[in-house]
Amino acid sequence: MYKDDDVAHAERANALIDEIAKLEHDKVTQAATEQRLEAAKRELAALHASPAVAPPPPPKGPGAIAHLLVFGLTATVAFLGYTLIV
């Protein structure tokens, strides 16, 4: 096909060189992508392997007994105040 045509040989050689260069570039890019994929998989596995830290429980408010004591003390002070004023 191109046996006697040096120009055609040179053009075909240049086209093949360009194609090889592009394919090599794609191969390097693919290798970098695979490395990033593996790193992401390892990081995700590490996140799943580590125990999740549960948030601390909310602080408990005063109980019913404390409310009753405060109510009783307030009622007593109010009663004493009222009886001293009247």
PDB file of N, CA and C in Angstrom:
ATOM      1  N   MET A   1       0.816  -1.182   0.000  1.00  0.00           N
ATOM      2  CA  MET A   1       0.000   0.000   0.000  1.00  0.00           C
ATOM      3  C   MET A   1       0.867   1.255   0.000  1.00  0.00           C
ATOM      4  N   TYR A   2       1.791   1.386   0.991  1.00  0.00           N
ATOM      5  CA  TYR A   2       2.656   2.559   1.063  1.00  0.00           C
ATOM      6  C   TYR A   2       4.108   2.195   0.769  1.00  0.00           C
ATOM      7  N   LYS A   3       4.351   1.117   0.076  1.00  0.00           N
ATOM      8  CA  LYS A   3       5.708   0.616  -0.092  1.00  0.00           C
ATOM      9  C   LYS A   3       6.658   1.640  -0.699  1.00  0.00           C
ATOM     10  N   ASP A   4       6.261   2.327  -1.736  1.00  0.00           N
ATOM     11  CA  ASP A   4       7.185   3.195  -2.448  1.00  0.00           C
ATOM     12  C   ASP A   4       6.965   4.665  -2.150  1.00  0.00           C
ATOM     13  N   ASP A   5       6.072   4.985  -1.295  1.00  0.00           N
ATOM     14  CA  ASP A   5       5.745   6.379  -1.050  1.00  0.00           C
ATOM     15  C   ASP A   5       6.316   6.803   0.303  1.00  0.00           C
ATOM     16  N   ASP A   6       7.480   7.494   0.266  1.00  0.00           N
ATOM     17  CA  ASP A   6       8.146   7.921   1.504  1.00  0.00           C
ATOM     18  C   ASP A   6       7.318   8.944   2.276  1.00  0.00           C
ATOM     19  N   VAL A   7       6.626   9.804   1.591  1.00  0.00           N
ATOM     20  CA  VAL A   7       5.799  10.817   2.252  1.00  0.00           C
ATOM     21  C   VAL A   7       4.658  10.132   3.001  1.00  0.00           C
ATOM     22  N   ALA A   8       4.055   9.163   2.369  1.00  0.00           N
ATOM     23  CA  ALA A   8       2.962   8.433   3.009  1.00  0.00           C
ATOM     24  C   ALA A   8       3.483   7.649   4.214  1.00  0.00           C
ATOM     25  N   HIS A   9       4.692   7.091   4.099  1.00  0.00           N
ATOM     26  CA  HIS A   9       5.303   6.390   5.232  1.00  0.00           C
ATOM     27  C   HIS A   9       5.517   7.360   6.392  1.00  0.00           C
ATOM     28  N   ALA A  10       6.053   8.513   6.095  1.00  0.00           N
ATOM     29  CA  ALA A  10       6.333   9.496   7.143  1.00  0.00           C
ATOM     30  C   ALA A  10       5.038   9.958   7.805  1.00  0.00           C
ATOM     31  N   GLU A  11       4.014  10.207   7.011  1.00  0.00           N
ATOM     32  CA  GLU A  11       2.739  10.641   7.583  1.00  0.00           C
ATOM     33  C   GLU A  11       2.138   9.550   8.464  1.00  0.00           C
ATOM     34  N   ARG A  12       2.197   8.322   7.983  1.00  0.00           N
ATOM     35  CA  ARG A  12       1.648   7.208   8.765  1.00  0.00           C
ATOM     36  C   ARG A  12       2.451   7.014  10.045  1.00  0.00           C
ATOM     37  N   ALA A  13       3.777   7.143   9.959  1.00  0.00           N
ATOM     38  CA  ALA A  13       4.625   7.008  11.145  1.00  0.00           C
ATOM     39  C   ALA A  13       4.288   8.101  12.153  1.00  0.00           C
ATOM     40  N   ASN A  14       4.122   9.335  11.683  1.00  0.00           N
ATOM     41  CA  ASN A  14       3.769  10.441  12.588  1.00  0.00           C
ATOM     42  C   ASN A  14       2.395  10.210  13.214  1.00  0.00           C
ATOM     43  N   ALA A  15       1.450   9.713  12.421  1.00  0.00           N
ATOM     44  CA  ALA A  15       0.119   9.438  12.955  1.00  0.00           C
ATOM     45  C   ALA A  15       0.196   8.348  14.024  1.00  0.00           C
ATOM     46  N   LEU A  16       1.004   7.315  13.764  1.00  0.00           N
ATOM     47  CA  LEU A  16       1.157   6.249  14.757  1.00  0.00           C
ATOM     48  C   LEU A  16       1.853   6.750  16.021  1.00  0.00           C
ATOM     49  N   ILE A  17       2.858   7.595  15.842  1.00  0.00           N
ATOM     50  CA  ILE A  17       3.551   8.176  17.007  1.00  0.00           C
ATOM     51  C   ILE A  17       2.578   9.002  17.839  1.00  0.00           C
ATOM     52  N   ASP A  18       1.757   9.811  17.177  1.00  0.00           N
ATOM     53  CA  ASP A  18       0.764  10.619  17.896  1.00  0.00           C
ATOM     54  C   ASP A  18      -0.240   9.737  18.636  1.00  0.00           C
ATOM     55  N   GLU A  19      -0.677   8.669  17.950  1.00  0.00           N
ATOM     56  CA  GLU A  19      -1.649   7.769  18.579  1.00  0.00           C
ATOM     57  C   GLU A  19      -1.035   7.060  19.785  1.00  0.00           C
ATOM     58  N   ILE A  20       0.207   6.606  19.644  1.00  0.00           N
ATOM     59  CA  ILE A  20       0.895   5.954  20.765  1.00  0.00           C
ATOM     60  C   ILE A  20       1.056   6.925  21.924  1.00  0.00           C
ATOM     61  N   ALA A  21       1.435   8.158  21.626  1.00  0.00           N
ATOM     62  CA  ALA A  21       1.590   9.165  22.686  1.00  0.00           C
ATOM     63  C   ALA A  21       0.268   9.396  23.420  1.00  0.00           C
ATOM     64  N   LYS A  22      -0.815   9.501  22.668  1.00  0.00           N
ATOM     65  CA  LYS A  22      -2.125   9.710  23.286  1.00  0.00           C
ATOM     66  C   LYS A  22      -2.512   8.517  24.150  1.00  0.00           C
ATOM     67  N   LEU A  23      -2.285   7.310  23.625  1.00  0.00           N
ATOM     68  CA  LEU A  23      -2.627   6.105  24.383  1.00  0.00           C
ATOM     69  C   LEU A  23      -1.783   5.975  25.653  1.00  0.00           C
ATOM     70  N   GLU A  24      -0.508   6.321  25.555  1.00  0.00           N
ATOM     71  CA  GLU A  24       0.358   6.291  26.743  1.00  0.00           C
ATOM     72  C   GLU A  24      -0.123   7.309  27.776  1.00  0.00           C
ATOM     73  N   HIS A  25      -0.502   8.492  27.297  1.00  0.00           N
ATOM     74  CA  HIS A  25      -1.022   9.517  28.204  1.00  0.00           C
ATOM     75  C   HIS A  25      -2.302   9.020  28.885  1.00  0.00           C
ATOM     76  N   ASP A  26      -3.179   8.398  28.124  1.00  0.00           N
ATOM     77  CA  ASP A  26      -4.417   7.844  28.690  1.00  0.00           C
ATOM     78  C   ASP A  26      -4.116   6.762  29.726  1.00  0.00           C
ATOM     79  N   LYS A  27      -3.087   5.966  29.442  1.00  0.00           N
ATOM     80  CA  LYS A  27      -2.700   4.898  30.358  1.00  0.00           C
ATOM     81  C   LYS A  27      -2.199   5.474  31.683  1.00  0.00           C
ATOM     82  N   VAL A  28      -1.385   6.515  31.613  1.00  0.00           N
ATOM     83  CA  VAL A  28      -0.877   7.168  32.830  1.00  0.00           C
ATOM     84  C   VAL A  28      -2.036   7.789  33.607  1.00  0.00           C
ATOM     85  N   THR A  29      -2.939   8.433  32.894  1.00  0.00           N
ATOM     86  CA  THR A  29      -4.101   9.045  33.545  1.00  0.00           C
ATOM     87  C   THR A  29      -4.952   7.975  34.212  1.00  0.00           C
ATOM     88  N   GLN A  30      -5.132   6.852  33.549  1.00  0.00           N
ATOM     89  CA  GLN A  30      -5.923   5.747  34.112  1.00  0.00           C
ATOM     90  C   GLN A  30      -5.253   5.207  35.371  1.00  0.00           C
ATOM     91  N   ALA A  31      -3.923   5.090  35.351  1.00  0.00           N
ATOM     92  CA  ALA A  31      -3.206   4.589  36.529  1.00  0.00           C
ATOM     93  C   ALA A  31      -3.386   5.541  37.705  1.00  0.00           C
ATOM     94  N   ALA A  32      -3.319   6.851  37.437  1.00  0.00           N
ATOM     95  CA  ALA A  32      -3.524   7.830  38.513  1.00  0.00           C
ATOM     96  C   ALA A  32      -4.946   7.742  39.054  1.00  0.00           C
ATOM     97  N   THR A  33      -5.904   7.545  38.167  1.00  0.00           N
ATOM     98  CA  THR A  33      -7.298   7.417  38.592  1.00  0.00           C
ATOM     99  C   THR A  33      -7.476   6.165  39.447  1.00  0.00           C
ATOM    100  N   GLU A  34      -6.861   5.077  39.070  1.00  0.00           N
ATOM    101  CA  GLU A  34      -6.964   3.842  39.846  1.00  0.00           C
ATOM    102  C   GLU A  34      -6.323   4.005  41.220  1.00  0.00           C
ATOM    103  N   GLN A  35      -5.215   4.746  41.296  1.00  0.00           N
ATOM    104  CA  GLN A  35      -4.583   4.991  42.596  1.00  0.00           C
ATOM    105  C   GLN A  35      -5.502   5.815  43.496  1.00  0.00           C
ATOM    106  N   ARG A  36      -6.144   6.839  42.929  1.00  0.00           N
ATOM    107  CA  ARG A  36      -7.076   7.653  43.720  1.00  0.00           C
ATOM    108  C   ARG A  36      -8.261   6.809  44.177  1.00  0.00           C
ATOM    109  N   LEU A  37      -8.735   5.928  43.300  1.00  0.00           N
ATOM    110  CA  LEU A  37      -9.848   5.043  43.653  1.00  0.00           C
ATOM    111  C   LEU A  37      -9.464   4.131  44.810  1.00  0.00           C
ATOM    112  N   GLU A  38      -8.292   3.527  44.741  1.00  0.00           N
ATOM    113  CA  GLU A  38      -7.840   2.645  45.818  1.00  0.00           C
ATOM    114  C   GLU A  38      -7.665   3.415  47.125  1.00  0.00           C
ATOM    115  N   ALA A  39      -7.125   4.636  47.051  1.00  0.00           N
ATOM    116  CA  ALA A  39      -6.961   5.441  48.261  1.00  0.00           C
ATOM    117  C   ALA A  39      -8.317   5.785  48.872  1.00  0.00           C
ATOM    118  N   ALA A  40      -9.283   6.109  48.045  1.00  0.00           N
ATOM    119  CA  ALA A  40     -10.622   6.426  48.544  1.00  0.00           C
ATOM    120  C   ALA A  40     -11.260   5.193  49.181  1.00  0.00           C
ATOM    121  N   LYS A  41     -11.077   4.023  48.571  1.00  0.00           N
ATOM    122  CA  LYS A  41     -11.620   2.793  49.137  1.00  0.00           C
ATOM    123  C   LYS A  41     -10.985   2.489  50.493  1.00  0.00           C
ATOM    124  N   ARG A  42      -9.663   2.675  50.592  1.00  0.00           N
ATOM    125  CA  ARG A  42      -8.985   2.431  51.874  1.00  0.00           C
ATOM    126  C   ARG A  42      -9.480   3.393  52.945  1.00  0.00           C
ATOM    127  N   GLU A  43      -9.641   4.654  52.583  1.00  0.00           N
ATOM    128  CA  GLU A  43     -10.112   5.639  53.556  1.00  0.00           C
ATOM    129  C   GLU A  43     -11.531   5.315  54.014  1.00  0.00           C
ATOM    130  N   LEU A  44     -12.380   4.920  53.091  1.00  0.00           N
ATOM    131  CA  LEU A  44     -13.749   4.555  53.446  1.00  0.00           C
ATOM    132  C   LEU A  44     -13.759   3.334  54.357  1.00  0.00           C
ATOM    133  N   ALA A  45     -12.919   2.346  54.063  1.00  0.00           N
ATOM    134  CA  ALA A  45     -12.843   1.162  54.917  1.00  0.00           C
ATOM    135  C   ALA A  45     -12.354   1.543  56.314  1.00  0.00           C
ATOM    136  N   ALA A  46     -11.407   2.463  56.393  1.00  0.00           N
ATOM    137  CA  ALA A  46     -10.914   2.904  57.701  1.00  0.00           C
ATOM    138  C   ALA A  46     -12.010   3.627  58.472  1.00  0.00           C
ATOM    139  N   LEU A  47     -12.818   4.406  57.780  1.00  0.00           N
ATOM    140  CA  LEU A  47     -13.911   5.104  58.453  1.00  0.00           C
ATOM    141  C   LEU A  47     -14.947   4.120  58.978  1.00  0.00           C
ATOM    142  N   HIS A  48     -15.226   3.081  58.214  1.00  0.00           N
ATOM    143  CA  HIS A  48     -16.197   2.088  58.651  1.00  0.00           C
ATOM    144  C   HIS A  48     -15.634   1.229  59.774  1.00  0.00           C
ATOM    145  N   ALA A  49     -14.330   1.029  59.804  1.00  0.00           N
ATOM    146  CA  ALA A  49     -13.713   0.180  60.811  1.00  0.00           C
ATOM    147  C   ALA A  49     -13.627   0.882  62.163  1.00  0.00           C
ATOM    148  N   SER A  50     -13.449   2.192  62.160  1.00  0.00           N
ATOM    149  CA  SER A  50     -13.326   2.909  63.429  1.00  0.00           C
ATOM    150  C   SER A  50     -14.696   3.037  64.082  1.00  0.00           C
ATOM    151  N   PRO A  51     -14.742   2.873  65.392  1.00  0.00           N
ATOM    152  CA  PRO A  51     -16.044   2.965  66.070  1.00  0.00           C
ATOM    153  C   PRO A  51     -16.559   4.395  66.033  1.00  0.00           C
ATOM    154  N   ALA A  52     -17.839   4.492  65.834  1.00  0.00           N
ATOM    155  CA  ALA A  52     -18.454   5.816  65.792  1.00  0.00           C
ATOM    156  C   ALA A  52     -18.536   6.362  67.214  1.00  0.00           C
ATOM    157  N   VAL A  53     -18.217   7.623  67.358  1.00  0.00           N
ATOM    158  CA  VAL A  53     -18.267   8.260  68.663  1.00  0.00           C
ATOM    159  C   VAL A  53     -19.678   8.796  68.864  1.00  0.00           C
ATOM    160  N   ALA A  54     -20.327   8.264  69.871  1.00  0.00           N
ATOM    161  CA  ALA A  54     -21.696   8.697  70.153  1.00  0.00           C
ATOM    162  C   ALA A  54     -21.650  10.016  70.914  1.00  0.00           C
ATOM    163  N   PRO A  55     -22.564  10.918  70.600  1.00  0.00           N
ATOM    164  CA  PRO A  55     -22.580  12.175  71.341  1.00  0.00           C
ATOM    165  C   PRO A  55     -22.987  11.915  72.790  1.00  0.00           C
ATOM    166  N   PRO A  56     -22.480  12.720  73.709  1.00  0.00           N
ATOM    167  CA  PRO A  56     -22.829  12.499  75.111  1.00  0.00           C
ATOM    168  C   PRO A  56     -24.313  12.760  75.327  1.00  0.00           C
ATOM    169  N   PRO A  57     -24.903  12.052  76.279  1.00  0.00           N
ATOM    170  CA  PRO A  57     -26.333  12.267  76.527  1.00  0.00           C
ATOM    171  C   PRO A  57     -26.560  13.672  77.072  1.00  0.00           C
ATOM    172  N   PRO A  58     -27.719  14.237  76.791  1.00  0.00           N
ATOM    173  CA  PRO A  58     -27.982  15.583  77.294  1.00  0.00           C
ATOM    174  C   PRO A  58     -28.052  15.569  78.817  1.00  0.00           C
ATOM    175  N   PRO A  59     -27.640  16.652  79.438  1.00  0.00           N
ATOM    176  CA  PRO A  59     -27.676  16.674  80.905  1.00  0.00           C
ATOM    177  C   PRO A  59     -29.117  16.590  81.405  1.00  0.00           C
ATOM    178  N   LYS A  60     -29.300  15.843  82.480  1.00  0.00           N
ATOM    179  CA  LYS A  60     -30.637  15.674  83.044  1.00  0.00           C
ATOM    180  C   LYS A  60     -31.000  16.915  83.839  1.00  0.00           C
ATOM    181  N   GLY A  61     -32.225  17.310  83.702  1.00  0.00           N
ATOM    182  CA  GLY A  61     -32.721  18.429  84.493  1.00  0.00           C
ATOM    183  C   GLY A  61     -33.102  17.957  85.883  1.00  0.00           C
ATOM    184  N   PRO A  62     -33.521  18.890  86.720  1.00  0.00           N
ATOM    185  CA  PRO A  62     -33.913  18.495  88.069  1.00  0.00           C
ATOM    186  C   PRO A  62     -35.141  17.581  88.021  1.00  0.00           C
ATOM    187  N   GLY A  63     -35.207  16.679  88.943  1.00  0.00           N
ATOM    188  CA  GLY A  63     -36.291  15.710  88.971  1.00  0.00           C
ATOM    189  C   GLY A  63     -37.549  16.275  89.610  1.00  0.00           C
ATOM    190  N   ALA A  64     -38.541  15.427  89.721  1.00  0.00           N
ATOM    191  CA  ALA A  64     -39.834  15.835  90.276  1.00  0.00           C
ATOM    192  C   ALA A  64     -39.707  16.210  91.748  1.00  0.00           C
ATOM    193  N   ILE A  65     -38.846  15.519  92.491  1.00  0.00           N
ATOM    194  CA  ILE A  65     -38.688  15.822  93.917  1.00  0.00           C
ATOM    195  C   ILE A  65     -38.116  17.221  94.098  1.00  0.00           C
ATOM    196  N   ALA A  66     -37.140  17.591  93.277  1.00  0.00           N
ATOM    197  CA  ALA A  66     -36.573  18.939  93.374  1.00  0.00           C
ATOM    198  C   ALA A  66     -37.637  19.982  93.075  1.00  0.00           C
ATOM    199  N   HIS A  67     -38.487  19.729  92.088  1.00  0.00           N
ATOM    200  CA  HIS A  67     -39.555  20.686  91.784  1.00  0.00           C
ATOM    201  C   HIS A  67     -40.536  20.811  92.961  1.00  0.00           C
ATOM    202  N   LEU A  68     -40.892  19.700  93.561  1.00  0.00           N
ATOM    203  CA  LEU A  68     -41.805  19.742  94.710  1.00  0.00           C
ATOM    204  C   LEU A  68     -41.192  20.484  95.894  1.00  0.00           C
ATOM    205  N   LEU A  69     -39.907  20.273  96.130  1.00  0.00           N
ATOM    206  CA  LEU A  69     -39.238  20.980  97.231  1.00  0.00           C
ATOM    207  C   LEU A  69     -39.215  22.486  96.988  1.00  0.00           C
ATOM    208  N   VAL A  70     -38.883  22.886  95.774  1.00  0.00           N
ATOM    209  CA  VAL A  70     -38.846  24.316  95.452  1.00  0.00           C
ATOM    210  C   VAL A  70     -40.252  24.908  95.550  1.00  0.00           C
ATOM    211  N   PHE A  71     -41.249  24.198  95.045  1.00  0.00           N
ATOM    212  CA  PHE A  71     -42.630  24.687  95.141  1.00  0.00           C
ATOM    213  C   PHE A  71     -43.055  24.829  96.602  1.00  0.00           C
ATOM    214  N   GLY A  72     -42.740  23.831  97.421  1.00  0.00           N
ATOM    215  CA  GLY A  72     -43.102  23.885  98.842  1.00  0.00           C
ATOM    216  C   GLY A  72     -42.411  25.027  99.554  1.00  0.00           C
ATOM    217  N   LEU A  73     -41.115  25.216  99.280  1.00  0.00           N
ATOM    218  CA  LEU A  73     -40.374  26.313  99.895  1.00  0.00           C
ATOM    219  C   LEU A  73     -40.934  27.652  99.459  1.00  0.00           C
ATOM    220  N   THR A  74     -41.256  27.803  98.209  1.00  0.00           N
ATOM    221  CA  THR A  74     -41.827  29.052  97.704  1.00  0.00           C
ATOM    222  C   THR A  74     -43.193  29.308  98.339  1.00  0.00           C
ATOM    223  N   ALA A  75     -43.999  28.276  98.431  1.00  0.00           N
ATOM    224  CA  ALA A  75     -45.316  28.435  99.056  1.00  0.00           C
ATOM    225  C   ALA A  75     -45.178  28.816 100.524  1.00  0.00           C
ATOM    226  N   THR A  76     -44.231  28.232 101.215  1.00  0.00           N
ATOM    227  CA  THR A  76     -44.012  28.553 102.630  1.00  0.00           C
ATOM    228  C   THR A  76     -43.561  29.998 102.788  1.00  0.00           C
ATOM    229  N   VAL A  77     -42.620  30.432 101.981  1.00  0.00           N
ATOM    230  CA  VAL A  77     -42.147  31.818 102.049  1.00  0.00           C
ATOM    231  C   VAL A  77     -43.276  32.777 101.709  1.00  0.00           C
ATOM    232  N   ALA A  78     -44.067  32.458 100.722  1.00  0.00           N
ATOM    233  CA  ALA A  78     -45.195  33.324 100.359  1.00  0.00           C
ATOM    234  C   ALA A  78     -46.207  33.385 101.499  1.00  0.00           C
ATOM    235  N   PHE A  79     -46.494  32.244 102.125  1.00  0.00           N
ATOM    236  CA  PHE A  79     -47.435  32.220 103.241  1.00  0.00           C
ATOM    237  C   PHE A  79     -46.911  33.050 104.407  1.00  0.00           C
ATOM    238  N   LEU A  80     -45.635  32.880 104.754  1.00  0.00           N
ATOM    239  CA  LEU A  80     -45.051  33.662 105.846  1.00  0.00           C
ATOM    240  C   LEU A  80     -45.039  35.149 105.524  1.00  0.00           C
ATOM    241  N   GLY A  81     -44.703  35.486 104.323  1.00  0.00           N
ATOM    242  CA  GLY A  81     -44.707  36.885 103.899  1.00  0.00           C
ATOM    243  C   GLY A  81     -46.086  37.492 103.989  1.00  0.00           C
ATOM    244  N   TYR A  82     -47.078  36.766 103.581  1.00  0.00           N
ATOM    245  CA  TYR A  82     -48.464  37.259 103.581  1.00  0.00           C
ATOM    246  C   TYR A  82     -48.952  37.433 105.029  1.00  0.00           C
ATOM    247  N   THR A  83     -48.636  36.445 105.903  1.00  0.00           N
ATOM    248  CA  THR A  83     -49.110  36.543 107.283  1.00  0.00           C
ATOM    249  C   THR A  83     -48.387  37.651 108.034  1.00  0.00           C
ATOM    250  N   LEU A  84     -47.154  37.964 107.694  1.00  0.00           N
ATOM    251  CA  LEU A  84     -46.454  39.074 108.368  1.00  0.00           C
ATOM    252  C   LEU A  84     -46.954  40.421 107.879  1.00  0.00           C
ATOM    253  N   ILE A  85     -47.383  40.524 106.652  1.00  0.00           N
ATOM    254  CA  ILE A  85     -47.849  41.795 106.101  1.00  0.00           C
ATOM    255  C   ILE A  85     -49.263  42.065 106.586  1.00  0.00           C
ATOM    256  N   VAL A  86     -50.096  41.108 106.704  1.00  0.00           N
ATOM    257  CA  VAL A  86     -51.515  41.320 107.058  1.00  0.00           C
ATOM    258  C   VAL A  86     -51.713  41.341 108.521  1.00  0.00           C
TER     259      VAL A  86
END
